[in-house]
């Protein structure tokens, strides 16, 4: 349990340092590649690894939670890592105090239900026409006005259920490119499509 917790703590502490508008940037050095400087929690978590061990297993659990968050919500990975660390740490404390793992799991599940209901009560839906969409885009883009405006423009074209992807431009220009349907960069998704 202690080894797994050390992996959970390592990921959450590194990713957690980027949390919020006053979060720090992280320098990521990758073998044979240029370093990355980022405040993006999911980018930080994707680049953390340890030698195969229980520590790595703990790290992978938190990284998987972050990946699920970015796939479902598109943001909030840093918060997910910090919450996962807190939940795992409290769970370990309860196990050390004599509670069974079934009791701890049931308590977590009950708490999640209560918290989700409370969040739904206080949540403010974002409408594409609102100025609040630009505010969310600004926070997500580290207050980059150009990127935030591009995100808002793209959302106004595709609607709330549309899909937006952001890529690094080869010519360093920021622009919005609209497309209908699906597009594959190269080749086929599955061999049966050939």
Protein backbone atom coordinates (compact mmCIF):
# COMPACT_ATOMS: atom_id res chain seq x y z
CA UNK A 1 0.00 0.00 0.00
CA UNK A 2 2.83 2.40 0.84
CA UNK A 3 4.53 1.78 -2.50
CA UNK A 4 1.31 2.37 -4.43
CA UNK A 5 0.71 5.53 -2.40
CA UNK A 6 4.19 6.80 -3.27
CA UNK A 7 3.28 6.53 -6.98
CA UNK A 8 -0.08 8.23 -6.43
CA UNK A 9 1.63 11.01 -4.46
CA UNK A 10 4.38 11.49 -7.03
CA UNK A 11 1.94 12.02 -9.92
CA UNK A 12 -0.48 14.15 -7.89
CA UNK A 13 2.31 16.35 -6.49
CA UNK A 14 3.88 16.98 -9.90
CA UNK A 15 0.57 17.52 -11.70
CA UNK A 16 -0.92 19.41 -8.74
CA UNK A 17 1.77 22.06 -8.98
CA UNK A 18 0.07 23.27 -12.20
CA UNK A 19 -3.33 23.72 -10.53
CA UNK A 20 -5.23 26.95 -10.99
CA UNK A 21 -4.42 30.31 -12.50
CA UNK A 22 -1.40 30.71 -10.20
CA UNK A 23 -0.11 27.20 -10.94
CA UNK A 24 3.49 26.68 -11.93
CA UNK A 25 4.81 25.58 -15.28
CA UNK A 26 6.62 22.26 -15.56
CA UNK A 27 9.66 21.47 -17.70
CA UNK A 28 9.50 17.96 -19.17
CA UNK A 29 12.69 16.48 -20.61
CA UNK A 30 12.13 13.55 -22.99
CA UNK A 31 14.85 11.29 -24.36
CA UNK A 32 15.98 12.42 -27.80
CA UNK A 33 13.37 15.19 -28.03
CA UNK A 34 13.12 18.86 -27.21
CA UNK A 35 11.88 19.70 -23.72
CA UNK A 36 8.26 20.75 -23.18
CA UNK A 37 7.26 23.63 -20.90
CA UNK A 38 3.60 23.34 -19.91
CA UNK A 39 0.92 23.97 -17.31
CA UNK A 40 -1.33 21.27 -18.78
CA UNK A 41 -1.97 18.62 -16.13
CA UNK A 42 -2.64 15.77 -18.55
CA UNK A 43 0.59 16.47 -20.45
CA UNK A 44 2.53 16.37 -17.19
CA UNK A 45 0.85 13.12 -16.08
CA UNK A 46 1.45 11.42 -19.44
CA UNK A 47 5.19 12.05 -19.09
CA UNK A 48 5.67 10.59 -15.61
CA UNK A 49 6.94 7.04 -15.32
CA UNK A 50 8.91 4.88 -12.92
CA UNK A 51 10.58 1.52 -13.15
CA UNK A 52 8.02 -1.30 -13.16
CA UNK A 53 6.88 -1.59 -9.56
CA UNK A 54 3.94 -0.99 -7.28
CA UNK A 55 4.92 2.70 -7.37
CA UNK A 56 4.36 2.67 -11.13
CA UNK A 57 0.99 0.92 -10.59
CA UNK A 58 -0.12 3.75 -8.28
CA UNK A 59 1.07 6.32 -10.80
CA UNK A 60 -0.79 4.57 -13.63
CA UNK A 61 -4.04 4.53 -11.63
CA UNK A 62 -3.94 8.31 -11.23
CA UNK A 63 -2.89 8.82 -14.84
CA UNK A 64 -5.82 6.69 -16.00
CA UNK A 65 -8.22 8.80 -13.92
CA UNK A 66 -6.75 11.91 -15.55
CA UNK A 67 -7.17 10.40 -19.04
CA UNK A 68 -10.83 9.57 -18.35
CA UNK A 69 -11.40 13.14 -17.21
CA UNK A 70 -9.81 14.69 -20.28
CA UNK A 71 -11.80 12.36 -22.57
CA UNK A 72 -15.15 13.12 -20.88
CA UNK A 73 -14.73 16.78 -19.94
CA UNK A 74 -11.73 18.03 -21.90
CA UNK A 75 -10.26 19.65 -18.79
CA UNK A 76 -9.95 19.13 -15.05
CA UNK A 77 -7.15 16.57 -15.08
CA UNK A 78 -5.10 18.37 -12.46
CA UNK A 79 -8.07 18.47 -10.11
CA UNK A 80 -8.66 14.77 -10.77
CA UNK A 81 -5.08 13.92 -9.78
CA UNK A 82 -5.28 15.96 -6.57
CA UNK A 83 -8.66 14.42 -5.63
CA UNK A 84 -7.42 10.89 -6.39
CA UNK A 85 -4.45 11.49 -4.08
CA UNK A 86 -6.73 12.71 -1.29
CA UNK A 87 -9.19 9.82 -1.70
CA UNK A 88 -6.45 7.20 -1.77
CA UNK A 89 -4.66 8.75 1.22
CA UNK A 90 -7.83 8.90 3.31
CA UNK A 91 -8.73 5.37 2.25
CA UNK A 92 -5.33 4.11 3.42
CA UNK A 93 -5.82 5.89 6.76
CA UNK A 94 -9.19 4.19 7.22
CA UNK A 95 -7.71 0.78 6.36
CA UNK A 96 -4.93 1.39 8.89
CA UNK A 97 -7.61 2.26 11.47
CA UNK A 98 -9.22 -1.17 11.01
CA UNK A 99 -11.97 -0.59 8.45
CA UNK A 100 -12.36 -3.25 5.76
CA UNK A 101 -11.74 -2.46 2.12
CA UNK A 102 -15.43 -3.13 1.40
CA UNK A 103 -16.46 -0.52 3.99
CA UNK A 104 -14.02 2.02 2.55
CA UNK A 105 -15.25 1.39 -1.00
CA UNK A 106 -18.89 1.73 0.04
CA UNK A 107 -18.11 4.99 1.82
CA UNK A 108 -16.35 6.37 -1.25
CA UNK A 109 -19.26 5.37 -3.52
CA UNK A 110 -21.80 7.00 -1.17
CA UNK A 111 -19.69 10.15 -0.97
CA UNK A 112 -19.36 10.34 -4.75
CA UNK A 113 -23.14 10.18 -5.17
CA UNK A 114 -23.65 12.95 -2.63
CA UNK A 115 -20.93 15.16 -4.15
CA UNK A 116 -22.24 14.69 -7.71
CA UNK A 117 -25.73 15.73 -6.63
CA UNK A 118 -24.33 18.80 -4.85
CA UNK A 119 -22.25 19.79 -7.89
CA UNK A 120 -25.34 19.49 -10.12
CA UNK A 121 -27.18 21.90 -7.79
CA UNK A 122 -24.50 24.59 -7.94
CA UNK A 123 -23.32 24.06 -11.54
CA UNK A 124 -23.81 26.89 -14.02
CA UNK A 125 -24.45 25.66 -17.56
CA UNK A 126 -22.35 27.40 -20.20
CA UNK A 127 -24.21 28.62 -23.26
CA UNK A 128 -22.37 29.15 -26.52
CA UNK A 129 -23.79 32.67 -26.80
CA UNK A 130 -22.59 33.64 -23.30
CA UNK A 131 -19.44 35.53 -22.47
CA UNK A 132 -18.79 32.74 -19.94
CA UNK A 133 -17.65 30.48 -22.81
CA UNK A 134 -14.80 32.89 -23.51
CA UNK A 135 -13.92 32.94 -19.81
CA UNK A 136 -13.66 29.12 -19.75
CA UNK A 137 -11.59 29.17 -22.95
CA UNK A 138 -9.25 31.79 -21.44
CA UNK A 139 -8.68 29.72 -18.30
CA UNK A 140 -8.08 26.55 -20.33
CA UNK A 141 -5.61 28.31 -22.63
CA UNK A 142 -3.56 29.92 -19.84
CA UNK A 143 -5.06 33.32 -20.65
CA UNK A 144 -4.00 33.22 -24.30
CA UNK A 145 -6.49 35.62 -25.89
CA UNK A 146 -5.88 34.40 -29.47
CA UNK A 147 -6.41 30.73 -28.67
CA UNK A 148 -9.45 31.48 -26.48
CA UNK A 149 -11.06 33.53 -29.27
CA UNK A 150 -10.37 30.71 -31.74
CA UNK A 151 -11.98 28.15 -29.42
CA UNK A 152 -15.07 30.34 -29.00
CA UNK A 153 -15.30 30.85 -32.78
CA UNK A 154 -15.02 27.09 -33.36
CA UNK A 155 -17.72 26.31 -30.77
CA UNK A 156 -20.06 28.84 -32.32
CA UNK A 157 -19.66 27.02 -35.66
CA UNK A 158 -19.99 23.41 -34.43
CA UNK A 159 -22.43 23.91 -31.54
CA UNK A 160 -22.41 22.40 -28.08
CA UNK A 161 -22.41 18.80 -29.34
CA UNK A 162 -19.78 19.33 -32.03
CA UNK A 163 -16.19 18.20 -31.80
CA UNK A 164 -13.14 20.45 -31.68
CA UNK A 165 -9.52 19.38 -31.78
CA UNK A 166 -6.54 21.65 -31.34
CA UNK A 167 -3.22 20.96 -33.03
CA UNK A 168 0.08 22.76 -33.21
CA UNK A 169 0.35 24.64 -36.50
CA UNK A 170 3.40 24.06 -38.69
CA UNK A 171 3.55 27.73 -39.68
CA UNK A 172 2.94 29.11 -36.13
CA UNK A 173 -0.32 30.80 -37.22
CA UNK A 174 -3.50 30.41 -35.18
CA UNK A 175 -6.58 29.70 -37.28
CA UNK A 176 -9.85 27.78 -37.24
CA UNK A 177 -10.42 25.13 -39.89
CA UNK A 178 -13.93 23.74 -40.23
CA UNK A 179 -14.75 20.29 -41.60
CA UNK A 180 -17.82 18.10 -41.91
CA UNK A 181 -17.87 14.43 -40.90
CA UNK A 182 -14.79 12.45 -39.92
CA UNK A 183 -11.30 12.70 -41.34
CA UNK A 184 -8.37 10.31 -40.92
CA UNK A 185 -4.81 11.62 -41.17
CA UNK A 186 -3.43 8.56 -42.94
CA UNK A 187 -4.41 5.04 -43.87
CA UNK A 188 -7.35 3.10 -42.55
CA UNK A 189 -8.64 2.82 -39.03
CA UNK A 190 -9.22 -0.93 -39.43
CA UNK A 191 -7.92 -3.51 -41.90
CA UNK A 192 -11.50 -4.33 -43.02
CA UNK A 193 -11.87 -0.80 -44.41
CA UNK A 194 -9.37 -1.52 -47.20
